[in-house]
Amino acid sequence: RPGAWRRNKCGHVYWYRFKEYAIPWYMNRRYKRKPFFTPKFVQPHI
């Protein structure tokens, strides 16, 4: 199952497995709500 390494908002790196959706990712609100980034204020805690 294809995927990619992603980083969540807590700074943890994990393997995200791709899923099939009925609409493209840029039109999918549910997919856009997933935080695939780490805020700057989390860097000291990492």
ModelCIF file with pLDDT and N, C-alpha, C, O atoms, coordinates in Angstrom:
data_MODEL
#
_entry.id   MODEL 
#
_entity.id                         1 
_entity.type                       polymer 
_entity.pdbx_number_of_molecules   1 
#
_entity_poly.entity_id                      1 
_entity_poly.type                           'polypeptide(L)' 
_entity_poly.nstd_linkage                   no 
_entity_poly.nstd_monomer                   no 
_entity_poly.pdbx_seq_one_letter_code       RPGAWRRNKCGHVYWYRFKEYAIPWYMNRRYKRKPFFTPKFVQPHI 
_entity_poly.pdbx_seq_one_letter_code_can   RPGAWRRNKCGHVYWYRFKEYAIPWYMNRRYKRKPFFTPKFVQPHI 
_entity_poly.pdbx_strand_id                 A 
#
loop_
_entity_poly_seq.entity_id 
_entity_poly_seq.num 
_entity_poly_seq.mon_id 
_entity_poly_seq.hetero 
1 1  ARG n 
1 2  PRO n 
1 3  GLY n 
1 4  ALA n 
1 5  TRP n 
1 6  ARG n 
1 7  ARG n 
1 8  ASN n 
1 9  LYS n 
1 10 CYS n 
1 11 GLY n 
1 12 HIS n 
1 13 VAL n 
1 14 TYR n 
1 15 TRP n 
1 16 TYR n 
1 17 ARG n 
1 18 PHE n 
1 19 LYS n 
1 20 GLU n 
1 21 TYR n 
1 22 ALA n 
1 23 ILE n 
1 24 PRO n 
1 25 TRP n 
1 26 TYR n 
1 27 MET n 
1 28 ASN n 
1 29 ARG n 
1 30 ARG n 
1 31 TYR n 
1 32 LYS n 
1 33 ARG n 
1 34 LYS n 
1 35 PRO n 
1 36 PHE n 
1 37 PHE n 
1 38 THR n 
1 39 PRO n 
1 40 LYS n 
1 41 PHE n 
1 42 VAL n 
1 43 GLN n 
1 44 PRO n 
1 45 HIS n 
1 46 ILE n 
#
_struct_asym.id          A 
_struct_asym.entity_id   1 
#
loop_
_ma_qa_metric.id 
_ma_qa_metric.mode 
_ma_qa_metric.name 
_ma_qa_metric.software_group_id 
_ma_qa_metric.type 
1 global pLDDT . pLDDT 
2 local  pLDDT . pLDDT 
#
_ma_qa_metric_global.metric_id      1 
_ma_qa_metric_global.metric_value   85.96 
_ma_qa_metric_global.model_id       1 
_ma_qa_metric_global.ordinal_id     1 
#
loop_
_ma_qa_metric_local.label_asym_id 
_ma_qa_metric_local.label_comp_id 
_ma_qa_metric_local.label_seq_id 
_ma_qa_metric_local.metric_id 
_ma_qa_metric_local.metric_value 
_ma_qa_metric_local.model_id 
_ma_qa_metric_local.ordinal_id 
A ARG 1  2 82.00 1 1  
A PRO 2  2 82.00 1 2  
A GLY 3  2 85.00 1 3  
A ALA 4  2 87.00 1 4  
A TRP 5  2 89.00 1 5  
A ARG 6  2 89.00 1 6  
A ARG 7  2 88.00 1 7  
A ASN 8  2 87.00 1 8  
A LYS 9  2 85.00 1 9  
A CYS 10 2 86.00 1 10 
A GLY 11 2 86.00 1 11 
A HIS 12 2 87.00 1 12 
A VAL 13 2 89.00 1 13 
A TYR 14 2 89.00 1 14 
A TRP 15 2 88.00 1 15 
A TYR 16 2 88.00 1 16 
A ARG 17 2 87.00 1 17 
A PHE 18 2 86.00 1 18 
A LYS 19 2 84.00 1 19 
A GLU 20 2 83.00 1 20 
A TYR 21 2 81.00 1 21 
A ALA 22 2 85.00 1 22 
A ILE 23 2 88.00 1 23 
A PRO 24 2 88.00 1 24 
A TRP 25 2 82.00 1 25 
A TYR 26 2 86.00 1 26 
A MET 27 2 90.00 1 27 
A ASN 28 2 88.00 1 28 
A ARG 29 2 87.00 1 29 
A ARG 30 2 83.00 1 30 
A TYR 31 2 83.00 1 31 
A LYS 32 2 83.00 1 32 
A ARG 33 2 85.00 1 33 
A LYS 34 2 83.00 1 34 
A PRO 35 2 82.00 1 35 
A PHE 36 2 84.00 1 36 
A PHE 37 2 81.00 1 37 
A THR 38 2 85.00 1 38 
A PRO 39 2 86.00 1 39 
A LYS 40 2 86.00 1 40 
A PHE 41 2 89.00 1 41 
A VAL 42 2 88.00 1 42 
A GLN 43 2 86.00 1 43 
A PRO 44 2 88.00 1 44 
A HIS 45 2 90.00 1 45 
A ILE 46 2 90.00 1 46 
#
loop_
_atom_site.group_PDB 
_atom_site.id 
_atom_site.type_symbol 
_atom_site.label_atom_id 
_atom_site.label_alt_id 
_atom_site.label_comp_id 
_atom_site.label_asym_id 
_atom_site.label_entity_id 
_atom_site.label_seq_id 
_atom_site.pdbx_PDB_ins_code 
_atom_site.Cartn_x 
_atom_site.Cartn_y 
_atom_site.Cartn_z 
_atom_site.occupancy 
_atom_site.B_iso_or_equiv 
_atom_site.pdbx_formal_charge 
_atom_site.auth_seq_id 
_atom_site.auth_comp_id 
_atom_site.auth_asym_id 
_atom_site.auth_atom_id 
_atom_site.pdbx_PDB_model_num 
ATOM 1   N N  . ARG A 1 1  ? 0.859   -1.180 0.000  1.00 82.00 ? 1  ARG A N  1 
ATOM 2   C CA . ARG A 1 1  ? 0.000   0.000  0.000  1.00 82.00 ? 1  ARG A CA 1 
ATOM 3   C C  . ARG A 1 1  ? 0.894   1.228  0.000  1.00 82.00 ? 1  ARG A C  1 
ATOM 4   O O  . ARG A 1 1  ? 1.622   1.444  0.969  1.00 82.00 ? 1  ARG A O  1 
ATOM 5   N N  . PRO A 1 2  ? 0.867   2.026  -1.029 1.00 82.00 ? 2  PRO A N  1 
ATOM 6   C CA . PRO A 1 2  ? 1.791   3.160  -1.107 1.00 82.00 ? 2  PRO A CA 1 
ATOM 7   C C  . PRO A 1 2  ? 1.530   4.181  -0.014 1.00 82.00 ? 2  PRO A C  1 
ATOM 8   O O  . PRO A 1 2  ? 0.423   4.291  0.514  1.00 82.00 ? 2  PRO A O  1 
ATOM 9   N N  . GLY A 1 3  ? 2.578   4.924  0.310  1.00 85.00 ? 3  GLY A N  1 
ATOM 10  C CA . GLY A 1 3  ? 2.464   5.952  1.343  1.00 85.00 ? 3  GLY A CA 1 
ATOM 11  C C  . GLY A 1 3  ? 3.683   6.841  1.336  1.00 85.00 ? 3  GLY A C  1 
ATOM 12  O O  . GLY A 1 3  ? 4.458   6.851  0.379  1.00 85.00 ? 3  GLY A O  1 
ATOM 13  N N  . ALA A 1 4  ? 3.847   7.593  2.419  1.00 87.00 ? 4  ALA A N  1 
ATOM 14  C CA . ALA A 1 4  ? 4.974   8.527  2.525  1.00 87.00 ? 4  ALA A CA 1 
ATOM 15  C C  . ALA A 1 4  ? 5.200   8.830  4.000  1.00 87.00 ? 4  ALA A C  1 
ATOM 16  O O  . ALA A 1 4  ? 4.300   8.692  4.829  1.00 87.00 ? 4  ALA A O  1 
ATOM 17  N N  . TRP A 1 5  ? 6.432   9.250  4.305  1.00 89.00 ? 5  TRP A N  1 
ATOM 18  C CA . TRP A 1 5  ? 6.745   9.638  5.672  1.00 89.00 ? 5  TRP A CA 1 
ATOM 19  C C  . TRP A 1 5  ? 6.201   11.042 5.930  1.00 89.00 ? 5  TRP A C  1 
ATOM 20  O O  . TRP A 1 5  ? 6.489   11.984 5.193  1.00 89.00 ? 5  TRP A O  1 
ATOM 21  N N  . ARG A 1 6  ? 5.400   11.157 7.004  1.00 89.00 ? 6  ARG A N  1 
ATOM 22  C CA . ARG A 1 6  ? 4.803   12.450 7.363  1.00 89.00 ? 6  ARG A CA 1 
ATOM 23  C C  . ARG A 1 6  ? 5.154   12.792 8.815  1.00 89.00 ? 6  ARG A C  1 
ATOM 24  O O  . ARG A 1 6  ? 5.536   11.929 9.606  1.00 89.00 ? 6  ARG A O  1 
ATOM 25  N N  . ARG A 1 7  ? 5.011   14.062 9.129  1.00 88.00 ? 7  ARG A N  1 
ATOM 26  C CA . ARG A 1 7  ? 5.262   14.550 10.480 1.00 88.00 ? 7  ARG A CA 1 
ATOM 27  C C  . ARG A 1 7  ? 3.989   15.203 11.003 1.00 88.00 ? 7  ARG A C  1 
ATOM 28  O O  . ARG A 1 7  ? 3.406   16.060 10.340 1.00 88.00 ? 7  ARG A O  1 
ATOM 29  N N  . ASN A 1 8  ? 3.559   14.792 12.200 1.00 87.00 ? 8  ASN A N  1 
ATOM 30  C CA . ASN A 1 8  ? 2.331   15.347 12.762 1.00 87.00 ? 8  ASN A CA 1 
ATOM 31  C C  . ASN A 1 8  ? 2.639   16.626 13.536 1.00 87.00 ? 8  ASN A C  1 
ATOM 32  O O  . ASN A 1 8  ? 3.783   17.080 13.564 1.00 87.00 ? 8  ASN A O  1 
ATOM 33  N N  . LYS A 1 9  ? 1.622   17.201 14.158 1.00 85.00 ? 9  LYS A N  1 
ATOM 34  C CA . LYS A 1 9  ? 1.792   18.493 14.839 1.00 85.00 ? 9  LYS A CA 1 
ATOM 35  C C  . LYS A 1 9  ? 2.581   18.387 16.135 1.00 85.00 ? 9  LYS A C  1 
ATOM 36  O O  . LYS A 1 9  ? 3.017   19.400 16.682 1.00 85.00 ? 9  LYS A O  1 
ATOM 37  N N  . CYS A 1 10 ? 2.773   17.136 16.643 1.00 86.00 ? 10 CYS A N  1 
ATOM 38  C CA . CYS A 1 10 ? 3.584   16.946 17.843 1.00 86.00 ? 10 CYS A CA 1 
ATOM 39  C C  . CYS A 1 10 ? 5.042   16.666 17.520 1.00 86.00 ? 10 CYS A C  1 
ATOM 40  O O  . CYS A 1 10 ? 5.854   16.495 18.429 1.00 86.00 ? 10 CYS A O  1 
ATOM 41  N N  . GLY A 1 11 ? 5.388   16.616 16.230 1.00 86.00 ? 11 GLY A N  1 
ATOM 42  C CA . GLY A 1 11 ? 6.767   16.397 15.834 1.00 86.00 ? 11 GLY A CA 1 
ATOM 43  C C  . GLY A 1 11 ? 7.143   14.945 15.611 1.00 86.00 ? 11 GLY A C  1 
ATOM 44  O O  . GLY A 1 11 ? 8.303   14.658 15.313 1.00 86.00 ? 11 GLY A O  1 
ATOM 45  N N  . HIS A 1 12 ? 6.200   14.017 15.744 1.00 87.00 ? 12 HIS A N  1 
ATOM 46  C CA . HIS A 1 12 ? 6.491   12.598 15.533 1.00 87.00 ? 12 HIS A CA 1 
ATOM 47  C C  . HIS A 1 12 ? 6.452   12.287 14.039 1.00 87.00 ? 12 HIS A C  1 
ATOM 48  O O  . HIS A 1 12 ? 5.566   12.746 13.318 1.00 87.00 ? 12 HIS A O  1 
ATOM 49  N N  . VAL A 1 13 ? 7.415   11.511 13.596 1.00 89.00 ? 13 VAL A N  1 
ATOM 50  C CA . VAL A 1 13 ? 7.479   11.070 12.196 1.00 89.00 ? 13 VAL A CA 1 
ATOM 51  C C  . VAL A 1 13 ? 6.860   9.677  12.101 1.00 89.00 ? 13 VAL A C  1 
ATOM 52  O O  . VAL A 1 13 ? 7.221   8.781  12.864 1.00 89.00 ? 13 VAL A O  1 
ATOM 53  N N  . TYR A 1 14 ? 5.951   9.501  11.189 1.00 89.00 ? 14 TYR A N  1 
ATOM 54  C CA . TYR A 1 14 ? 5.261   8.210  11.039 1.00 89.00 ? 14 TYR A CA 1 
ATOM 55  C C  . TYR A 1 14 ? 5.004   7.975  9.551  1.00 89.00 ? 14 TYR A C  1 
ATOM 56  O O  . TYR A 1 14 ? 5.117   8.880  8.723  1.00 89.00 ? 14 TYR A O  1 
ATOM 57  N N  . TRP A 1 15 ? 4.651   6.716  9.245  1.00 88.00 ? 15 TRP A N  1 
ATOM 58  C CA . TRP A 1 15 ? 4.381   6.319  7.855  1.00 88.00 ? 15 TRP A CA 1 
ATOM 59  C C  . TRP A 1 15 ? 2.885   6.473  7.589  1.00 88.00 ? 15 TRP A C  1 
ATOM 60  O O  . TRP A 1 15 ? 2.058   5.799  8.204  1.00 88.00 ? 15 TRP A O  1 
ATOM 61  N N  . TYR A 1 16 ? 2.560   7.354  6.680  1.00 88.00 ? 16 TYR A N  1 
ATOM 62  C CA . TYR A 1 16 ? 1.163   7.599  6.318  1.00 88.00 ? 16 TYR A CA 1 
ATOM 63  C C  . TYR A 1 16 ? 0.828   6.817  5.053  1.00 88.00 ? 16 TYR A C  1 
ATOM 64  O O  . TYR A 1 16 ? 1.463   6.992  4.013  1.00 88.00 ? 16 TYR A O  1 
ATOM 65  N N  . ARG A 1 17 ? -0.178  5.953  5.158  1.00 87.00 ? 17 ARG A N  1 
ATOM 66  C CA . ARG A 1 17 ? -0.592  5.148  4.015  1.00 87.00 ? 17 ARG A CA 1 
ATOM 67  C C  . ARG A 1 17 ? -1.688  5.870  3.230  1.00 87.00 ? 17 ARG A C  1 
ATOM 68  O O  . ARG A 1 17 ? -2.687  6.317  3.794  1.00 87.00 ? 17 ARG A O  1 
ATOM 69  N N  . PHE A 1 18 ? -1.483  5.969  1.947  1.00 86.00 ? 18 PHE A N  1 
ATOM 70  C CA . PHE A 1 18 ? -2.437  6.662  1.098  1.00 86.00 ? 18 PHE A CA 1 
ATOM 71  C C  . PHE A 1 18 ? -3.768  5.921  1.045  1.00 86.00 ? 18 PHE A C  1 
ATOM 72  O O  . PHE A 1 18 ? -3.829  4.696  1.151  1.00 86.00 ? 18 PHE A O  1 
ATOM 73  N N  . LYS A 1 19 ? -4.826  6.702  0.878  1.00 84.00 ? 19 LYS A N  1 
ATOM 74  C CA . LYS A 1 19 ? -6.179  6.166  0.783  1.00 84.00 ? 19 LYS A CA 1 
ATOM 75  C C  . LYS A 1 19 ? -6.840  6.684  -0.486 1.00 84.00 ? 19 LYS A C  1 
ATOM 76  O O  . LYS A 1 19 ? -6.417  7.679  -1.075 1.00 84.00 ? 19 LYS A O  1 
ATOM 77  N N  . GLU A 1 20 ? -7.876  5.987  -0.880 1.00 83.00 ? 20 GLU A N  1 
ATOM 78  C CA . GLU A 1 20 ? -8.624  6.384  -2.067 1.00 83.00 ? 20 GLU A CA 1 
ATOM 79  C C  . GLU A 1 20 ? -9.865  7.181  -1.641 1.00 83.00 ? 20 GLU A C  1 
ATOM 80  O O  . GLU A 1 20 ? -10.617 6.772  -0.757 1.00 83.00 ? 20 GLU A O  1 
ATOM 81  N N  . TYR A 1 21 ? -10.046 8.304  -2.283 1.00 81.00 ? 21 TYR A N  1 
ATOM 82  C CA . TYR A 1 21 ? -11.195 9.171  -2.009 1.00 81.00 ? 21 TYR A CA 1 
ATOM 83  C C  . TYR A 1 21 ? -11.981 9.371  -3.310 1.00 81.00 ? 21 TYR A C  1 
ATOM 84  O O  . TYR A 1 21 ? -11.459 9.206  -4.413 1.00 81.00 ? 21 TYR A O  1 
ATOM 85  N N  . ALA A 1 22 ? -13.230 9.725  -3.136 1.00 85.00 ? 22 ALA A N  1 
ATOM 86  C CA . ALA A 1 22 ? -14.093 9.923  -4.302 1.00 85.00 ? 22 ALA A CA 1 
ATOM 87  C C  . ALA A 1 22 ? -13.806 11.247 -5.010 1.00 85.00 ? 22 ALA A C  1 
ATOM 88  O O  . ALA A 1 22 ? -14.189 11.437 -6.164 1.00 85.00 ? 22 ALA A O  1 
ATOM 89  N N  . ILE A 1 23 ? -13.126 12.165 -4.304 1.00 88.00 ? 23 ILE A N  1 
ATOM 90  C CA . ILE A 1 23 ? -12.832 13.471 -4.888 1.00 88.00 ? 23 ILE A CA 1 
ATOM 91  C C  . ILE A 1 23 ? -11.346 13.741 -4.733 1.00 88.00 ? 23 ILE A C  1 
ATOM 92  O O  . ILE A 1 23 ? -10.705 13.101 -3.900 1.00 88.00 ? 23 ILE A O  1 
ATOM 93  N N  . PRO A 1 24 ? -10.772 14.655 -5.494 1.00 88.00 ? 24 PRO A N  1 
ATOM 94  C CA . PRO A 1 24 ? -9.340  14.964 -5.361 1.00 88.00 ? 24 PRO A CA 1 
ATOM 95  C C  . PRO A 1 24 ? -9.015  15.532 -3.987 1.00 88.00 ? 24 PRO A C  1 
ATOM 96  O O  . PRO A 1 24 ? -9.889  16.037 -3.283 1.00 88.00 ? 24 PRO A O  1 
ATOM 97  N N  . TRP A 1 25 ? -7.727  15.436 -3.618 1.00 82.00 ? 25 TRP A N  1 
ATOM 98  C CA . TRP A 1 25 ? -7.325  15.853 -2.277 1.00 82.00 ? 25 TRP A CA 1 
ATOM 99  C C  . TRP A 1 25 ? -7.506  17.343 -2.064 1.00 82.00 ? 25 TRP A C  1 
ATOM 100 O O  . TRP A 1 25 ? -7.826  17.761 -0.951 1.00 82.00 ? 25 TRP A O  1 
ATOM 101 N N  . TYR A 1 26 ? -7.313  18.160 -3.087 1.00 86.00 ? 26 TYR A N  1 
ATOM 102 C CA . TYR A 1 26 ? -7.437  19.599 -2.901 1.00 86.00 ? 26 TYR A CA 1 
ATOM 103 C C  . TYR A 1 26 ? -8.895  20.031 -2.779 1.00 86.00 ? 26 TYR A C  1 
ATOM 104 O O  . TYR A 1 26 ? -9.159  21.184 -2.436 1.00 86.00 ? 26 TYR A O  1 
ATOM 105 N N  . MET A 1 27 ? -9.855  19.135 -3.050 1.00 90.00 ? 27 MET A N  1 
ATOM 106 C CA . MET A 1 27 ? -11.276 19.426 -2.849 1.00 90.00 ? 27 MET A CA 1 
ATOM 107 C C  . MET A 1 27 ? -11.853 18.728 -1.619 1.00 90.00 ? 27 MET A C  1 
ATOM 108 O O  . MET A 1 27 ? -13.019 18.919 -1.274 1.00 90.00 ? 27 MET A O  1 
ATOM 109 N N  . ASN A 1 28 ? -11.034 17.929 -0.973 1.00 88.00 ? 28 ASN A N  1 
ATOM 110 C CA . ASN A 1 28 ? -11.488 17.147 0.174  1.00 88.00 ? 28 ASN A CA 1 
ATOM 111 C C  . ASN A 1 28 ? -11.221 17.924 1.457  1.00 88.00 ? 28 ASN A C  1 
ATOM 112 O O  . ASN A 1 28 ? -10.063 18.113 1.830  1.00 88.00 ? 28 ASN A O  1 
ATOM 113 N N  . ARG A 1 29 ? -12.267 18.377 2.135  1.00 87.00 ? 29 ARG A N  1 
ATOM 114 C CA . ARG A 1 29 ? -12.116 19.142 3.368  1.00 87.00 ? 29 ARG A CA 1 
ATOM 115 C C  . ARG A 1 29 ? -11.592 18.280 4.514  1.00 87.00 ? 29 ARG A C  1 
ATOM 116 O O  . ARG A 1 29 ? -10.832 18.745 5.363  1.00 87.00 ? 29 ARG A O  1 
ATOM 117 N N  . ARG A 1 30 ? -12.009 17.028 4.520  1.00 83.00 ? 30 ARG A N  1 
ATOM 118 C CA . ARG A 1 30 ? -11.543 16.126 5.580  1.00 83.00 ? 30 ARG A CA 1 
ATOM 119 C C  . ARG A 1 30 ? -10.044 15.902 5.482  1.00 83.00 ? 30 ARG A C  1 
ATOM 120 O O  . ARG A 1 30 ? -9.365  15.854 6.508  1.00 83.00 ? 30 ARG A O  1 
ATOM 121 N N  . TYR A 1 31 ? -9.519  15.767 4.292  1.00 83.00 ? 31 TYR A N  1 
ATOM 122 C CA . TYR A 1 31 ? -8.086  15.572 4.125  1.00 83.00 ? 31 TYR A CA 1 
ATOM 123 C C  . TYR A 1 31 ? -7.317  16.845 4.481  1.00 83.00 ? 31 TYR A C  1 
ATOM 124 O O  . TYR A 1 31 ? -6.216  16.770 5.026  1.00 83.00 ? 31 TYR A O  1 
ATOM 125 N N  . LYS A 1 32 ? -7.884  18.001 4.178  1.00 83.00 ? 32 LYS A N  1 
ATOM 126 C CA . LYS A 1 32 ? -7.206  19.260 4.481  1.00 83.00 ? 32 LYS A CA 1 
ATOM 127 C C  . LYS A 1 32 ? -7.121  19.528 5.968  1.00 83.00 ? 32 LYS A C  1 
ATOM 128 O O  . LYS A 1 32 ? -6.241  20.264 6.414  1.00 83.00 ? 32 LYS A O  1 
ATOM 129 N N  . ARG A 1 33 ? -8.035  18.935 6.758  1.00 85.00 ? 33 ARG A N  1 
ATOM 130 C CA . ARG A 1 33 ? -7.997  19.147 8.207  1.00 85.00 ? 33 ARG A CA 1 
ATOM 131 C C  . ARG A 1 33 ? -6.887  18.352 8.893  1.00 85.00 ? 33 ARG A C  1 
ATOM 132 O O  . ARG A 1 33 ? -6.601  18.586 10.067 1.00 85.00 ? 33 ARG A O  1 
ATOM 133 N N  . LYS A 1 34 ? -6.257  17.414 8.177  1.00 83.00 ? 34 LYS A N  1 
ATOM 134 C CA . LYS A 1 34 ? -5.186  16.633 8.776  1.00 83.00 ? 34 LYS A CA 1 
ATOM 135 C C  . LYS A 1 34 ? -3.903  17.459 8.829  1.00 83.00 ? 34 LYS A C  1 
ATOM 136 O O  . LYS A 1 34 ? -3.422  17.910 7.789  1.00 83.00 ? 34 LYS A O  1 
ATOM 137 N N  . PRO A 1 35 ? -3.338  17.667 10.028 1.00 82.00 ? 35 PRO A N  1 
ATOM 138 C CA . PRO A 1 35 ? -2.136  18.517 10.140 1.00 82.00 ? 35 PRO A CA 1 
ATOM 139 C C  . PRO A 1 35 ? -0.872  17.725 9.821  1.00 82.00 ? 35 PRO A C  1 
ATOM 140 O O  . PRO A 1 35 ? -0.367  16.989 10.668 1.00 82.00 ? 35 PRO A O  1 
ATOM 141 N N  . PHE A 1 36 ? -0.371  17.872 8.621  1.00 84.00 ? 36 PHE A N  1 
ATOM 142 C CA . PHE A 1 36 ? 0.871   17.220 8.235  1.00 84.00 ? 36 PHE A CA 1 
ATOM 143 C C  . PHE A 1 36 ? 2.044   18.195 8.369  1.00 84.00 ? 36 PHE A C  1 
ATOM 144 O O  . PHE A 1 36 ? 2.875   18.296 7.466  1.00 84.00 ? 36 PHE A O  1 
ATOM 145 N N  . PHE A 1 37 ? 2.109   18.904 9.483  1.00 81.00 ? 37 PHE A N  1 
ATOM 146 C CA . PHE A 1 37 ? 3.192   19.853 9.709  1.00 81.00 ? 37 PHE A CA 1 
ATOM 147 C C  . PHE A 1 37 ? 3.391   19.983 11.210 1.00 81.00 ? 37 PHE A C  1 
ATOM 148 O O  . PHE A 1 37 ? 2.554   19.541 11.997 1.00 81.00 ? 37 PHE A O  1 
ATOM 149 N N  . THR A 1 38 ? 4.507   20.594 11.604 1.00 85.00 ? 38 THR A N  1 
ATOM 150 C CA . THR A 1 38 ? 4.841   20.806 13.004 1.00 85.00 ? 38 THR A CA 1 
ATOM 151 C C  . THR A 1 38 ? 4.981   22.305 13.256 1.00 85.00 ? 38 THR A C  1 
ATOM 152 O O  . THR A 1 38 ? 5.807   22.955 12.614 1.00 85.00 ? 38 THR A O  1 
ATOM 153 N N  . PRO A 1 39 ? 4.204   22.866 14.165 1.00 86.00 ? 39 PRO A N  1 
ATOM 154 C CA . PRO A 1 39 ? 4.320   24.313 14.427 1.00 86.00 ? 39 PRO A CA 1 
ATOM 155 C C  . PRO A 1 39 ? 5.695   24.672 14.997 1.00 86.00 ? 39 PRO A C  1 
ATOM 156 O O  . PRO A 1 39 ? 6.414   23.810 15.501 1.00 86.00 ? 39 PRO A O  1 
ATOM 157 N N  . LYS A 1 40 ? 6.040   25.934 14.911 1.00 86.00 ? 40 LYS A N  1 
ATOM 158 C CA . LYS A 1 40 ? 7.348   26.382 15.369 1.00 86.00 ? 40 LYS A CA 1 
ATOM 159 C C  . LYS A 1 40 ? 7.493   26.305 16.883 1.00 86.00 ? 40 LYS A C  1 
ATOM 160 O O  . LYS A 1 40 ? 8.590   26.058 17.384 1.00 86.00 ? 40 LYS A O  1 
ATOM 161 N N  . PHE A 1 41 ? 6.394   26.514 17.624 1.00 89.00 ? 41 PHE A N  1 
ATOM 162 C CA . PHE A 1 41 ? 6.518   26.503 19.087 1.00 89.00 ? 41 PHE A CA 1 
ATOM 163 C C  . PHE A 1 41 ? 6.691   25.077 19.638 1.00 89.00 ? 41 PHE A C  1 
ATOM 164 O O  . PHE A 1 41 ? 6.914   24.907 20.837 1.00 89.00 ? 41 PHE A O  1 
ATOM 165 N N  . VAL A 1 42 ? 6.589   24.052 18.775 1.00 88.00 ? 42 VAL A N  1 
ATOM 166 C CA . VAL A 1 42 ? 6.763   22.669 19.229 1.00 88.00 ? 42 VAL A CA 1 
ATOM 167 C C  . VAL A 1 42 ? 8.233   22.245 19.147 1.00 88.00 ? 42 VAL A C  1 
ATOM 168 O O  . VAL A 1 42 ? 8.605   21.233 19.740 1.00 88.00 ? 42 VAL A O  1 
ATOM 169 N N  . GLN A 1 43 ? 9.075   22.991 18.428 1.00 86.00 ? 43 GLN A N  1 
ATOM 170 C CA . GLN A 1 43 ? 10.472  22.608 18.251 1.00 86.00 ? 43 GLN A CA 1 
ATOM 171 C C  . GLN A 1 43 ? 11.218  22.450 19.584 1.00 86.00 ? 43 GLN A C  1 
ATOM 172 O O  . GLN A 1 43 ? 11.935  21.461 19.736 1.00 86.00 ? 43 GLN A O  1 
ATOM 173 N N  . PRO A 1 44 ? 11.094  23.362 20.557 1.00 88.00 ? 44 PRO A N  1 
ATOM 174 C CA . PRO A 1 44 ? 11.787  23.143 21.844 1.00 88.00 ? 44 PRO A CA 1 
ATOM 175 C C  . PRO A 1 44 ? 11.337  21.875 22.556 1.00 88.00 ? 44 PRO A C  1 
ATOM 176 O O  . PRO A 1 44 ? 12.148  21.212 23.202 1.00 88.00 ? 44 PRO A O  1 
ATOM 177 N N  . HIS A 1 45 ? 10.063  21.527 22.449 1.00 90.00 ? 45 HIS A N  1 
ATOM 178 C CA . HIS A 1 45 ? 9.565   20.321 23.110 1.00 90.00 ? 45 HIS A CA 1 
ATOM 179 C C  . HIS A 1 45 ? 10.110  19.053 22.433 1.00 90.00 ? 45 HIS A C  1 
ATOM 180 O O  . HIS A 1 45 ? 10.311  18.031 23.088 1.00 90.00 ? 45 HIS A O  1 
ATOM 181 N N  . ILE A 1 46 ? 10.344  19.129 21.132 1.00 90.00 ? 46 ILE A N  1 
ATOM 182 C CA . ILE A 1 46 ? 10.944  17.983 20.446 1.00 90.00 ? 46 ILE A CA 1 
ATOM 183 C C  . ILE A 1 46 ? 12.356  17.735 20.975 1.00 90.00 ? 46 ILE A C  1 
ATOM 184 O O  . ILE A 1 46 ? 13.031  16.811 20.523 1.00 90.00 ? 46 ILE A O  1 
#
